[in-house]
Structure formats: structure tokens, C-alpha cells
Full PDB file with SEQRES, HELIX, SHEET, SSBOND, CRYST1, ORIGX, SCALE, CONECT and MASTER records, all heavy atoms in Angstrom:
SEQRES   1 A   40  PHE THR ILE ASP ILE GLY ASN SER GLN THR ALA GLY ASN          
SEQRES   2 A   40  TYR ARG CYS GLU TYR GLN THR GLU ILE GLU GLY ARG MET          
SEQRES   3 A   40  ALA VAL SER PRO PHE SER ASN GLU VAL LYS ILE ILE PHE          
SEQRES   4 A   40  ARG                                                          
HELIX    1 AA1 SER A    8  THR A   10  5                                   3    
SHEET    1 AA1 2 GLY A  12  TYR A  14  0                                        
SHEET    2 AA1 2 VAL A  35  ILE A  37 -1                                        
SHEET    1 AA2 2 GLN A  19  ILE A  22  0                                        
SHEET    2 AA2 2 ARG A  25  VAL A  28 -1                                        
CRYST1    1.000    1.000    1.000  90.00  90.00  90.00 P 1           1          
ORIGX1      1.000000  0.000000  0.000000        0.00000                         
ORIGX2      0.000000  1.000000  0.000000        0.00000                         
ORIGX3      0.000000  0.000000  1.000000        0.00000                         
SCALE1      1.000000  0.000000  0.000000        0.00000                         
SCALE2      0.000000  1.000000  0.000000        0.00000                         
SCALE3      0.000000  0.000000  1.000000        0.00000                         
ATOM      1  N   PHE A   1     111.604 109.253  89.132  1.00  0.00           N  
ATOM      2  CA  PHE A   1     111.703 108.623  87.816  1.00  0.00           C  
ATOM      3  C   PHE A   1     112.473 109.561  86.885  1.00  0.00           C  
ATOM      4  O   PHE A   1     112.165 110.760  86.812  1.00  0.00           O  
ATOM      5  CB  PHE A   1     110.323 108.331  87.229  1.00  0.00           C  
ATOM      6  CG  PHE A   1     109.513 107.342  88.014  1.00  0.00           C  
ATOM      7  CD1 PHE A   1     108.490 107.768  88.842  1.00  0.00           C  
ATOM      8  CD2 PHE A   1     109.770 105.980  87.921  1.00  0.00           C  
ATOM      9  CE1 PHE A   1     107.733 106.857  89.557  1.00  0.00           C  
ATOM     10  CE2 PHE A   1     109.022 105.061  88.631  1.00  0.00           C  
ATOM     11  CZ  PHE A   1     108.001 105.505  89.463  1.00  0.00           C  
ATOM     12  N   THR A   2     113.480 109.018  86.165  1.00  0.00           N  
ATOM     13  CA  THR A   2     114.271 109.798  85.210  1.00  0.00           C  
ATOM     14  C   THR A   2     113.904 109.376  83.792  1.00  0.00           C  
ATOM     15  O   THR A   2     113.966 108.192  83.454  1.00  0.00           O  
ATOM     16  CB  THR A   2     115.772 109.612  85.448  1.00  0.00           C  
ATOM     17  OG1 THR A   2     116.088 110.000  86.791  1.00  0.00           O  
ATOM     18  CG2 THR A   2     116.578 110.453  84.474  1.00  0.00           C  
ATOM     19  N   ILE A   3     113.542 110.344  82.972  1.00  0.00           N  
ATOM     20  CA  ILE A   3     113.124 110.082  81.591  1.00  0.00           C  
ATOM     21  C   ILE A   3     114.128 110.733  80.649  1.00  0.00           C  
ATOM     22  O   ILE A   3     114.351 111.948  80.712  1.00  0.00           O  
ATOM     23  CB  ILE A   3     111.708 110.626  81.326  1.00  0.00           C  
ATOM     24  CG1 ILE A   3     110.706 109.973  82.287  1.00  0.00           C  
ATOM     25  CG2 ILE A   3     111.292 110.393  79.881  1.00  0.00           C  
ATOM     26  CD1 ILE A   3     109.303 110.525  82.168  1.00  0.00           C  
ATOM     27  N   ASP A   4     114.746 109.945  79.765  1.00  0.00           N  
ATOM     28  CA  ASP A   4     115.654 110.459  78.742  1.00  0.00           C  
ATOM     29  C   ASP A   4     114.842 110.845  77.512  1.00  0.00           C  
ATOM     30  O   ASP A   4     114.114 110.018  76.949  1.00  0.00           O  
ATOM     31  CB  ASP A   4     116.701 109.407  78.371  1.00  0.00           C  
ATOM     32  CG  ASP A   4     117.625 109.089  79.537  1.00  0.00           C  
ATOM     33  OD1 ASP A   4     117.945 110.020  80.292  1.00  0.00           O  
ATOM     34  OD2 ASP A   4     118.014 107.913  79.694  1.00  0.00           O  
ATOM     35  N   ILE A   5     114.986 112.072  77.086  1.00  0.00           N  
ATOM     36  CA  ILE A   5     114.236 112.570  75.940  1.00  0.00           C  
ATOM     37  C   ILE A   5     114.991 112.187  74.667  1.00  0.00           C  
ATOM     38  O   ILE A   5     116.011 112.785  74.323  1.00  0.00           O  
ATOM     39  CB  ILE A   5     114.035 114.089  76.025  1.00  0.00           C  
ATOM     40  CG1 ILE A   5     113.370 114.469  77.348  1.00  0.00           C  
ATOM     41  CG2 ILE A   5     113.194 114.582  74.854  1.00  0.00           C  
ATOM     42  CD1 ILE A   5     112.034 113.814  77.585  1.00  0.00           C  
ATOM     43  N   GLY A   6     114.494 111.161  73.984  1.00  0.00           N  
ATOM     44  CA  GLY A   6     115.123 110.719  72.748  1.00  0.00           C  
ATOM     45  C   GLY A   6     114.427 111.229  71.508  1.00  0.00           C  
ATOM     46  O   GLY A   6     115.064 111.510  70.495  1.00  0.00           O  
ATOM     47  N   ASN A   7     113.115 111.386  71.572  1.00  0.00           N  
ATOM     48  CA  ASN A   7     112.340 111.885  70.442  1.00  0.00           C  
ATOM     49  C   ASN A   7     111.011 112.410  70.963  1.00  0.00           C  
ATOM     50  O   ASN A   7     110.757 112.453  72.174  1.00  0.00           O  
ATOM     51  CB  ASN A   7     112.123 110.777  69.389  1.00  0.00           C  
ATOM     52  CG  ASN A   7     111.600 109.489  70.024  1.00  0.00           C  
ATOM     53  OD1 ASN A   7     110.620 109.497  70.779  1.00  0.00           O  
ATOM     54  ND2 ASN A   7     112.253 108.379  69.729  1.00  0.00           N  
ATOM     55  N   SER A   8     110.155 112.804  70.029  1.00  0.00           N  
ATOM     56  CA  SER A   8     108.865 113.384  70.413  1.00  0.00           C  
ATOM     57  C   SER A   8     107.925 112.370  71.060  1.00  0.00           C  
ATOM     58  O   SER A   8     106.934 112.755  71.690  1.00  0.00           O  
ATOM     59  CB  SER A   8     108.194 113.991  69.176  1.00  0.00           C  
ATOM     60  OG  SER A   8     107.981 112.984  68.183  1.00  0.00           O  
ATOM     61  N   GLN A   9     108.201 111.075  70.935  1.00  0.00           N  
ATOM     62  CA  GLN A   9     107.336 110.054  71.523  1.00  0.00           C  
ATOM     63  C   GLN A   9     107.377 110.079  73.054  1.00  0.00           C  
ATOM     64  O   GLN A   9     106.455 109.593  73.714  1.00  0.00           O  
ATOM     65  CB  GLN A   9     107.741 108.661  71.021  1.00  0.00           C  
ATOM     66  CG  GLN A   9     107.655 108.498  69.509  1.00  0.00           C  
ATOM     67  CD  GLN A   9     106.223 108.687  68.998  1.00  0.00           C  
ATOM     68  OE1 GLN A   9     105.273 108.279  69.647  1.00  0.00           O  
ATOM     69  NE2 GLN A   9     106.097 109.308  67.838  1.00  0.00           N  
ATOM     70  N   THR A  10     108.444 110.628  73.613  1.00  0.00           N  
ATOM     71  CA  THR A  10     108.549 110.671  75.079  1.00  0.00           C  
ATOM     72  C   THR A  10     107.757 111.830  75.676  1.00  0.00           C  
ATOM     73  O   THR A  10     107.615 111.905  76.893  1.00  0.00           O  
ATOM     74  CB  THR A  10     110.019 110.805  75.492  1.00  0.00           C  
ATOM     75  OG1 THR A  10     110.600 111.927  74.805  1.00  0.00           O  
ATOM     76  CG2 THR A  10     110.792 109.549  75.131  1.00  0.00           C  
ATOM     77  N   ALA A  11     107.258 112.723  74.848  1.00  0.00           N  
ATOM     78  CA  ALA A  11     106.440 113.821  75.359  1.00  0.00           C  
ATOM     79  C   ALA A  11     105.039 113.313  75.695  1.00  0.00           C  
ATOM     80  O   ALA A  11     104.616 112.243  75.267  1.00  0.00           O  
ATOM     81  CB  ALA A  11     106.379 114.951  74.340  1.00  0.00           C  
ATOM     82  N   GLY A  12     104.325 114.099  76.511  1.00  0.00           N  
ATOM     83  CA  GLY A  12     102.964 113.729  76.870  1.00  0.00           C  
ATOM     84  C   GLY A  12     102.657 114.039  78.318  1.00  0.00           C  
ATOM     85  O   GLY A  12     103.413 114.718  79.020  1.00  0.00           O  
ATOM     86  N   ASN A  13     101.510 113.528  78.787  1.00  0.00           N  
ATOM     87  CA  ASN A  13     101.052 113.736  80.161  1.00  0.00           C  
ATOM     88  C   ASN A  13     101.419 112.525  81.018  1.00  0.00           C  
ATOM     89  O   ASN A  13     101.133 111.389  80.644  1.00  0.00           O  
ATOM     90  CB  ASN A  13      99.541 113.959  80.189  1.00  0.00           C  
ATOM     91  CG  ASN A  13      99.126 115.203  79.418  1.00  0.00           C  
ATOM     92  OD1 ASN A  13      99.790 116.230  79.501  1.00  0.00           O  
ATOM     93  ND2 ASN A  13      98.040 115.109  78.670  1.00  0.00           N  
ATOM     94  N   TYR A  14     102.029 112.791  82.159  1.00  0.00           N  
ATOM     95  CA  TYR A  14     102.470 111.723  83.067  1.00  0.00           C  
ATOM     96  C   TYR A  14     101.734 111.834  84.394  1.00  0.00           C  
ATOM     97  O   TYR A  14     101.454 112.941  84.877  1.00  0.00           O  
ATOM     98  CB  TYR A  14     103.984 111.800  83.299  1.00  0.00           C  
ATOM     99  CG  TYR A  14     104.822 111.364  82.113  1.00  0.00           C  
ATOM    100  CD1 TYR A  14     105.074 112.233  81.055  1.00  0.00           C  
ATOM    101  CD2 TYR A  14     105.359 110.081  82.059  1.00  0.00           C  
ATOM    102  CE1 TYR A  14     105.840 111.832  79.972  1.00  0.00           C  
ATOM    103  CE2 TYR A  14     106.133 109.679  80.980  1.00  0.00           C  
ATOM    104  CZ  TYR A  14     106.370 110.558  79.943  1.00  0.00           C  
ATOM    105  OH  TYR A  14     107.134 110.163  78.873  1.00  0.00           O  
ATOM    106  N   ARG A  15     101.450 110.673  85.001  1.00  0.00           N  
ATOM    107  CA  ARG A  15     100.850 110.609  86.323  1.00  0.00           C  
ATOM    108  C   ARG A  15     101.331 109.324  87.001  1.00  0.00           C  
ATOM    109  O   ARG A  15     101.821 108.405  86.333  1.00  0.00           O  
ATOM    110  CB  ARG A  15      99.329 110.628  86.240  1.00  0.00           C  
ATOM    111  CG  ARG A  15      98.740 109.491  85.408  1.00  0.00           C  
ATOM    112  CD  ARG A  15      97.235 109.559  85.361  1.00  0.00           C  
ATOM    113  NE  ARG A  15      96.672 108.441  84.595  1.00  0.00           N  
ATOM    114  CZ  ARG A  15      95.367 108.153  84.543  1.00  0.00           C  
ATOM    115  NH1 ARG A  15      94.504 108.904  85.203  1.00  0.00           N  
ATOM    116  NH2 ARG A  15      94.944 107.127  83.833  1.00  0.00           N  
ATOM    117  N   CYS A  16     101.188 109.247  88.313  1.00  0.00           N  
ATOM    118  CA  CYS A  16     101.692 108.081  89.026  1.00  0.00           C  
ATOM    119  C   CYS A  16     100.661 107.587  90.044  1.00  0.00           C  
ATOM    120  O   CYS A  16      99.725 108.303  90.416  1.00  0.00           O  
ATOM    121  CB  CYS A  16     103.020 108.394  89.724  1.00  0.00           C  
ATOM    122  SG  CYS A  16     102.957 109.734  90.926  1.00  0.00           S  
ATOM    123  N   GLU A  17     100.860 106.353  90.484  1.00  0.00           N  
ATOM    124  CA  GLU A  17     100.062 105.710  91.529  1.00  0.00           C  
ATOM    125  C   GLU A  17     100.984 104.770  92.294  1.00  0.00           C  
ATOM    126  O   GLU A  17     102.132 104.546  91.893  1.00  0.00           O  
ATOM    127  CB  GLU A  17      98.891 104.933  90.917  1.00  0.00           C  
ATOM    128  CG  GLU A  17      99.328 103.789  90.025  1.00  0.00           C  
ATOM    129  CD  GLU A  17      98.164 102.940  89.542  1.00  0.00           C  
ATOM    130  OE1 GLU A  17      97.050 103.101  90.057  1.00  0.00           O  
ATOM    131  OE2 GLU A  17      98.386 102.104  88.644  1.00  0.00           O  
ATOM    132  N   TYR A  18     100.499 104.220  93.412  1.00  0.00           N  
ATOM    133  CA  TYR A  18     101.305 103.274  94.186  1.00  0.00           C  
ATOM    134  C   TYR A  18     100.390 102.258  94.848  1.00  0.00           C  
ATOM    135  O   TYR A  18      99.168 102.480  94.999  1.00  0.00           O  
ATOM    136  CB  TYR A  18     102.148 103.996  95.243  1.00  0.00           C  
ATOM    137  CG  TYR A  18     101.358 104.668  96.331  1.00  0.00           C  
ATOM    138  CD1 TYR A  18     101.076 104.003  97.530  1.00  0.00           C  
ATOM    139  CD2 TYR A  18     100.891 105.973  96.184  1.00  0.00           C  
ATOM    140  CE1 TYR A  18     100.359 104.619  98.545  1.00  0.00           C  
ATOM    141  CE2 TYR A  18     100.180 106.591  97.189  1.00  0.00           C  
ATOM    142  CZ  TYR A  18      99.910 105.923  98.370  1.00  0.00           C  
ATOM    143  OH  TYR A  18      99.193 106.533  99.368  1.00  0.00           O  
ATOM    144  N   GLN A  19     100.991 101.158  95.211  1.00  0.00           N  
ATOM    145  CA  GLN A  19     100.292 100.153  95.996  1.00  0.00           C  
ATOM    146  C   GLN A  19     101.157  99.765  97.196  1.00  0.00           C  
ATOM    147  O   GLN A  19     102.379  99.776  97.124  1.00  0.00           O  
ATOM    148  CB  GLN A  19      99.958  98.917  95.154  1.00  0.00           C  
ATOM    149  CG  GLN A  19     101.161  98.118  94.679  1.00  0.00           C  
ATOM    150  CD  GLN A  19     100.762  96.848  93.949  1.00  0.00           C  
ATOM    151  OE1 GLN A  19      99.605  96.667  93.581  1.00  0.00           O  
ATOM    152  NE2 GLN A  19     101.729  95.971  93.723  1.00  0.00           N  
ATOM    153  N   THR A  20     100.488  99.451  98.321  1.00  0.00           N  
ATOM    154  CA  THR A  20     101.189  99.096  99.544  1.00  0.00           C  
ATOM    155  C   THR A  20     100.338  98.116 100.343  1.00  0.00           C  
ATOM    156  O   THR A  20      99.108  98.070 100.191  1.00  0.00           O  
ATOM    157  CB  THR A  20     101.496 100.348 100.379  1.00  0.00           C  
ATOM    158  OG1 THR A  20     102.252  99.984 101.530  1.00  0.00           O  
ATOM    159  CG2 THR A  20     100.227 101.048 100.814  1.00  0.00           C  
ATOM    160  N   GLU A  21     100.990  97.336 101.174  1.00  0.00           N  
ATOM    161  CA  GLU A  21     100.283  96.331 101.962  1.00  0.00           C  
ATOM    162  C   GLU A  21      99.762  96.948 103.262  1.00  0.00           C  
ATOM    163  O   GLU A  21     100.524  97.525 104.038  1.00  0.00           O  
ATOM    164  CB  GLU A  21     101.212  95.159 102.285  1.00  0.00           C  
ATOM    165  CG  GLU A  21     100.516  94.026 103.035  1.00  0.00           C  
ATOM    166  CD  GLU A  21     101.430  92.844 103.273  1.00  0.00           C  
ATOM    167  OE1 GLU A  21     102.489  92.763 102.608  1.00  0.00           O  
ATOM    168  OE2 GLU A  21     101.087  92.006 104.139  1.00  0.00           O  
ATOM    169  N   ILE A  22      98.455  96.807 103.492  1.00  0.00           N  
ATOM    170  CA  ILE A  22      97.806  97.330 104.696  1.00  0.00           C  
ATOM    171  C   ILE A  22      96.957  96.223 105.311  1.00  0.00           C  
ATOM    172  O   ILE A  22      96.040  95.711 104.666  1.00  0.00           O  
ATOM    173  CB  ILE A  22      96.928  98.561 104.369  1.00  0.00           C  
ATOM    174  CG1 ILE A  22      97.775  99.668 103.731  1.00  0.00           C  
ATOM    175  CG2 ILE A  22      96.244  99.085 105.625  1.00  0.00           C  
ATOM    176  CD1 ILE A  22      96.975 100.882 103.310  1.00  0.00           C  
ATOM    177  N   GLU A  23      97.322  95.850 106.523  1.00  0.00           N  
ATOM    178  CA  GLU A  23      96.575  94.827 107.258  1.00  0.00           C  
ATOM    179  C   GLU A  23      96.435  93.531 106.456  1.00  0.00           C  
ATOM    180  O   GLU A  23      95.342  92.938 106.372  1.00  0.00           O  
ATOM    181  CB  GLU A  23      95.205  95.353 107.674  1.00  0.00           C  
ATOM    182  CG  GLU A  23      95.245  96.549 108.618  1.00  0.00           C  
ATOM    183  CD  GLU A  23      95.917  96.229 109.944  1.00  0.00           C  
ATOM    184  OE1 GLU A  23      95.766  95.084 110.421  1.00  0.00           O  
ATOM    185  OE2 GLU A  23      96.611  97.116 110.495  1.00  0.00           O  
ATOM    186  N   GLY A  24      97.538  93.125 105.820  1.00  0.00           N  
ATOM    187  CA  GLY A  24      97.567  91.847 105.127  1.00  0.00           C  
ATOM    188  C   GLY A  24      97.013  91.852 103.724  1.00  0.00           C  
ATOM    189  O   GLY A  24      96.953  90.795 103.087  1.00  0.00           O  
ATOM    190  N   ARG A  25      96.644  92.981 103.181  1.00  0.00           N  
ATOM    191  CA  ARG A  25      96.130  93.027 101.801  1.00  0.00           C  
ATOM    192  C   ARG A  25      96.756  94.207 101.059  1.00  0.00           C  
ATOM    193  O   ARG A  25      97.160  95.204 101.678  1.00  0.00           O  
ATOM    194  CB  ARG A  25      94.604  93.139 101.779  1.00  0.00           C  
ATOM    195  CG  ARG A  25      94.067  94.433 102.366  1.00  0.00           C  
ATOM    196  CD  ARG A  25      92.548  94.424 102.386  1.00  0.00           C  
ATOM    197  NE  ARG A  25      91.998  95.673 102.907  1.00  0.00           N  
ATOM    198  CZ  ARG A  25      91.686  96.707 102.157  1.00  0.00           C  
ATOM    199  NH1 ARG A  25      91.878  96.660 100.836  1.00  0.00           N  
ATOM    200  NH2 ARG A  25      91.162  97.790 102.699  1.00  0.00           N  
ATOM    201  N   MET A  26      96.845  94.083  99.729  1.00  0.00           N  
ATOM    202  CA  MET A  26      97.433  95.132  98.903  1.00  0.00           C  
ATOM    203  C   MET A  26      96.374  96.185  98.599  1.00  0.00           C  
ATOM    204  O   MET A  26      95.291  95.875  98.107  1.00  0.00           O  
ATOM    205  CB  MET A  26      98.000  94.562  97.611  1.00  0.00           C  
ATOM    206  CG  MET A  26      99.135  93.565  97.816  1.00  0.00           C  
ATOM    207  SD  MET A  26     100.555  94.266  98.716  1.00  0.00           S  
ATOM    208  CE  MET A  26     101.070  95.531  97.575  1.00  0.00           C  
ATOM    209  N   ALA A  27      96.681  97.415  98.908  1.00  0.00           N  
ATOM    210  CA  ALA A  27      95.781  98.540  98.636  1.00  0.00           C  
ATOM    211  C   ALA A  27      96.420  99.427  97.578  1.00  0.00           C  
ATOM    212  O   ALA A  27      97.613  99.737  97.645  1.00  0.00           O  
ATOM    213  CB  ALA A  27      95.510  99.319  99.914  1.00  0.00           C  
ATOM    214  N   VAL A  28      95.611  99.847  96.597  1.00  0.00           N  
ATOM    215  CA  VAL A  28      96.088 100.671  95.483  1.00  0.00           C  
ATOM    216  C   VAL A  28      95.534 102.074  95.635  1.00  0.00           C  
ATOM    217  O   VAL A  28      94.337 102.260  95.898  1.00  0.00           O  
ATOM    218  CB  VAL A  28      95.672 100.060  94.127  1.00  0.00           C  
ATOM    219  CG1 VAL A  28      96.201 100.936  92.977  1.00  0.00           C  
ATOM    220  CG2 VAL A  28      96.204  98.639  93.999  1.00  0.00           C  
ATOM    221  N   SER A  29      96.382 103.051  95.453  1.00  0.00           N  
ATOM    222  CA  SER A  29      95.983 104.455  95.586  1.00  0.00           C  
ATOM    223  C   SER A  29      95.322 104.953  94.306  1.00  0.00           C  
ATOM    224  O   SER A  29      95.504 104.354  93.229  1.00  0.00           O  
ATOM    225  CB  SER A  29      97.198 105.316  95.894  1.00  0.00           C  
ATOM    226  OG  SER A  29      98.015 105.449  94.734  1.00  0.00           O  
ATOM    227  N   PRO A  30      94.595 106.062  94.369  1.00  0.00           N  
ATOM    228  CA  PRO A  30      94.131 106.717  93.138  1.00  0.00           C  
ATOM    229  C   PRO A  30      95.310 107.324  92.393  1.00  0.00           C  
ATOM    230  O   PRO A  30      96.427 107.408  92.906  1.00  0.00           O  
ATOM    231  CB  PRO A  30      93.178 107.805  93.653  1.00  0.00           C  
ATOM    232  CG  PRO A  30      92.872 107.438  95.069  1.00  0.00           C  
ATOM    233  CD  PRO A  30      94.073 106.711  95.578  1.00  0.00           C  
ATOM    234  N   PHE A  31      95.060 107.782  91.144  1.00  0.00           N  
ATOM    235  CA  PHE A  31      96.108 108.429  90.362  1.00  0.00           C  
ATOM    236  C   PHE A  31      96.374 109.843  90.892  1.00  0.00           C  
ATOM    237  O   PHE A  31      95.494 110.499  91.457  1.00  0.00           O  
ATOM    238  CB  PHE A  31      95.719 108.506  88.881  1.00  0.00           C  
ATOM    239  CG  PHE A  31      95.868 107.206  88.151  1.00  0.00           C  
ATOM    240  CD1 PHE A  31      94.750 106.438  87.846  1.00  0.00           C  
ATOM    241  CD2 PHE A  31      97.116 106.744  87.773  1.00  0.00           C  
ATOM    242  CE1 PHE A  31      94.878 105.239  87.172  1.00  0.00           C  
ATOM    243  CE2 PHE A  31      97.258 105.541  87.099  1.00  0.00           C  
ATOM    244  CZ  PHE A  31      96.134 104.781  86.800  1.00  0.00           C  
ATOM    245  N   SER A  32      97.577 110.267  90.687  1.00  0.00           N  
ATOM    246  CA  SER A  32      97.950 111.638  91.044  1.00  0.00           C  
ATOM    247  C   SER A  32      97.462 112.605  89.976  1.00  0.00           C  
ATOM    248  O   SER A  32      96.860 112.204  88.971  1.00  0.00           O  
ATOM    249  CB  SER A  32      99.474 111.742  91.168  1.00  0.00           C  
ATOM    250  OG  SER A  32     100.079 111.557  89.891  1.00  0.00           O  
ATOM    251  N   ASN A  33      97.742 113.885  90.176  1.00  0.00           N  
ATOM    252  CA  ASN A  33      97.525 114.857  89.098  1.00  0.00           C  
ATOM    253  C   ASN A  33      98.519 114.599  87.975  1.00  0.00           C  
ATOM    254  O   ASN A  33      99.457 113.809  88.126  1.00  0.00           O  
ATOM    255  CB  ASN A  33      97.676 116.282  89.636  1.00  0.00           C  
ATOM    256  CG  ASN A  33      96.609 116.624  90.657  1.00  0.00           C  
ATOM    257  OD1 ASN A  33      95.481 116.145  90.574  1.00  0.00           O  
ATOM    258  ND2 ASN A  33      96.965 117.463  91.629  1.00  0.00           N  
ATOM    259  N   GLU A  34      98.349 115.284  86.852  1.00  0.00           N  
ATOM    260  CA  GLU A  34      99.213 115.078  85.690  1.00  0.00           C  
ATOM    261  C   GLU A  34     100.235 116.199  85.557  1.00  0.00           C  
ATOM    262  O   GLU A  34      99.972 117.352  85.905  1.00  0.00           O  
ATOM    263  CB  GLU A  34      98.385 114.990  84.406  1.00  0.00           C  
ATOM    264  CG  GLU A  34      97.508 113.755  84.317  1.00  0.00           C  
ATOM    265  CD  GLU A  34      96.770 113.667  82.991  1.00  0.00           C  
ATOM    266  OE1 GLU A  34      96.737 114.696  82.271  1.00  0.00           O  
ATOM    267  OE2 GLU A  34      96.247 112.594  82.660  1.00  0.00           O  
ATOM    268  N   VAL A  35     101.413 115.822  85.057  1.00  0.00           N  
ATOM    269  CA  VAL A  35     102.429 116.791  84.627  1.00  0.00           C  
ATOM    270  C   VAL A  35     102.672 116.570  83.139  1.00  0.00           C  
ATOM    271  O   VAL A  35     102.577 115.446  82.645  1.00  0.00           O  
ATOM    272  CB  VAL A  35     103.735 116.647  85.431  1.00  0.00           C  
ATOM    273  CG1 VAL A  35     103.518 117.030  86.880  1.00  0.00           C  
ATOM    274  CG2 VAL A  35     104.300 115.236  85.340  1.00  0.00           C  
ATOM    275  N   LYS A  36     102.995 117.636  82.431  1.00  0.00           N  
ATOM    276  CA  LYS A  36     103.096 117.564  80.970  1.00  0.00           C  
ATOM    277  C   LYS A  36     104.513 117.853  80.509  1.00  0.00           C  
ATOM    278  O   LYS A  36     105.119 118.866  80.894  1.00  0.00           O  
ATOM    279  CB  LYS A  36     102.130 118.562  80.322  1.00  0.00           C  
ATOM    280  CG  LYS A  36     102.039 118.428  78.807  1.00  0.00           C  
ATOM    281  CD  LYS A  36     100.962 119.343  78.258  1.00  0.00           C  
ATOM    282  CE  LYS A  36     100.793 119.138  76.752  1.00  0.00           C  
ATOM    283  NZ  LYS A  36      99.699 120.011  76.207  1.00  0.00           N  
ATOM    284  N   ILE A  37     105.050 116.959  79.668  1.00  0.00           N  
ATOM    285  CA  ILE A  37     106.352 117.160  79.031  1.00  0.00           C  
ATOM    286  C   ILE A  37     106.117 117.652  77.608  1.00  0.00           C  
ATOM    287  O   ILE A  37     105.408 117.004  76.824  1.00  0.00           O  
ATOM    288  CB  ILE A  37     107.186 115.865  79.027  1.00  0.00           C  
ATOM    289  CG1 ILE A  37     107.518 115.448  80.464  1.00  0.00           C  
ATOM    290  CG2 ILE A  37     108.462 116.045  78.219  1.00  0.00           C  
ATOM    291  CD1 ILE A  37     108.318 114.172  80.554  1.00  0.00           C  
ATOM    292  N   ILE A  38     106.702 118.794  77.252  1.00  0.00           N  
ATOM    293  CA  ILE A  38     106.538 119.408  75.934  1.00  0.00           C  
ATOM    294  C   ILE A  38     107.851 119.269  75.171  1.00  0.00           C  
ATOM    295  O   ILE A  38     108.909 119.696  75.651  1.00  0.00           O  
ATOM    296  CB  ILE A  38     106.144 120.889  76.059  1.00  0.00           C  
ATOM    297  CG1 ILE A  38     104.844 121.013  76.873  1.00  0.00           C  
ATOM    298  CG2 ILE A  38     105.980 121.523  74.686  1.00  0.00           C  
ATOM    299  CD1 ILE A  38     104.458 122.442  77.172  1.00  0.00           C  
ATOM    300  N   PHE A  39     107.783 118.689  73.985  1.00  0.00           N  
ATOM    301  CA  PHE A  39     108.982 118.458  73.167  1.00  0.00           C  
ATOM    302  C   PHE A  39     109.161 119.609  72.186  1.00  0.00           C  
ATOM    303  O   PHE A  39     108.224 120.013  71.496  1.00  0.00           O  
ATOM    304  CB  PHE A  39     108.846 117.133  72.411  1.00  0.00           C  
ATOM    305  CG  PHE A  39     110.045 116.792  71.562  1.00  0.00           C  
ATOM    306  CD1 PHE A  39     111.190 116.254  72.129  1.00  0.00           C  
ATOM    307  CD2 PHE A  39     110.029 117.025  70.199  1.00  0.00           C  
ATOM    308  CE1 PHE A  39     112.289 115.951  71.357  1.00  0.00           C  
ATOM    309  CE2 PHE A  39     111.119 116.726  69.416  1.00  0.00           C  
ATOM    310  CZ  PHE A  39     112.252 116.179  70.003  1.00  0.00           C  
ATOM    311  N   ARG A  40     110.385 120.134  72.115  1.00  0.00           N  
ATOM    312  CA  ARG A  40     110.735 121.195  71.174  1.00  0.00           C  
ATOM    313  C   ARG A  40     111.899 120.740  70.322  1.00  0.00           C  
ATOM    314  O   ARG A  40     112.853 120.158  70.830  1.00  0.00           O  
ATOM    315  CB  ARG A  40     111.130 122.477  71.922  1.00  0.00           C  
ATOM    316  CG  ARG A  40     109.988 123.112  72.708  1.00  0.00           C  
ATOM    317  CD  ARG A  40     109.074 123.894  71.803  1.00  0.00           C  
ATOM    318  NE  ARG A  40     108.015 124.548  72.551  1.00  0.00           N  
ATOM    319  CZ  ARG A  40     108.131 125.749  73.111  1.00  0.00           C  
ATOM    320  NH1 ARG A  40     109.269 126.393  73.019  1.00  0.00           N  
ATOM    321  NH2 ARG A  40     107.123 126.285  73.751  1.00  0.00           N  
TER     322      ARG A  40                                                      
MASTER        0    0    0    1    4    0    0    6  321    1    0    4          
END                                                                             
């Protein structure tokens, strides 16, 4: 994922998740750890 830093609103803590089909049904993963964007 590419994030363009336009202002301080784009700063913060980010995390991701995914979903995939397993045996005919959609399974959702837990959230990942967080990464932090600091605006200067």
C-alpha cells in the first residue's frame, strides 16, 4: 500500500487484515501489529 503524505491527517497507526476462501467459505484473519506514521 502506498500512502501520499498530504497533511497531518494521514499520520497515525496503521494495521492490516485479509480474507480468503477456504473450503468454500470466506475466512477472515486477525489484525496485524501496528506501524506508526509520524508527521513533521
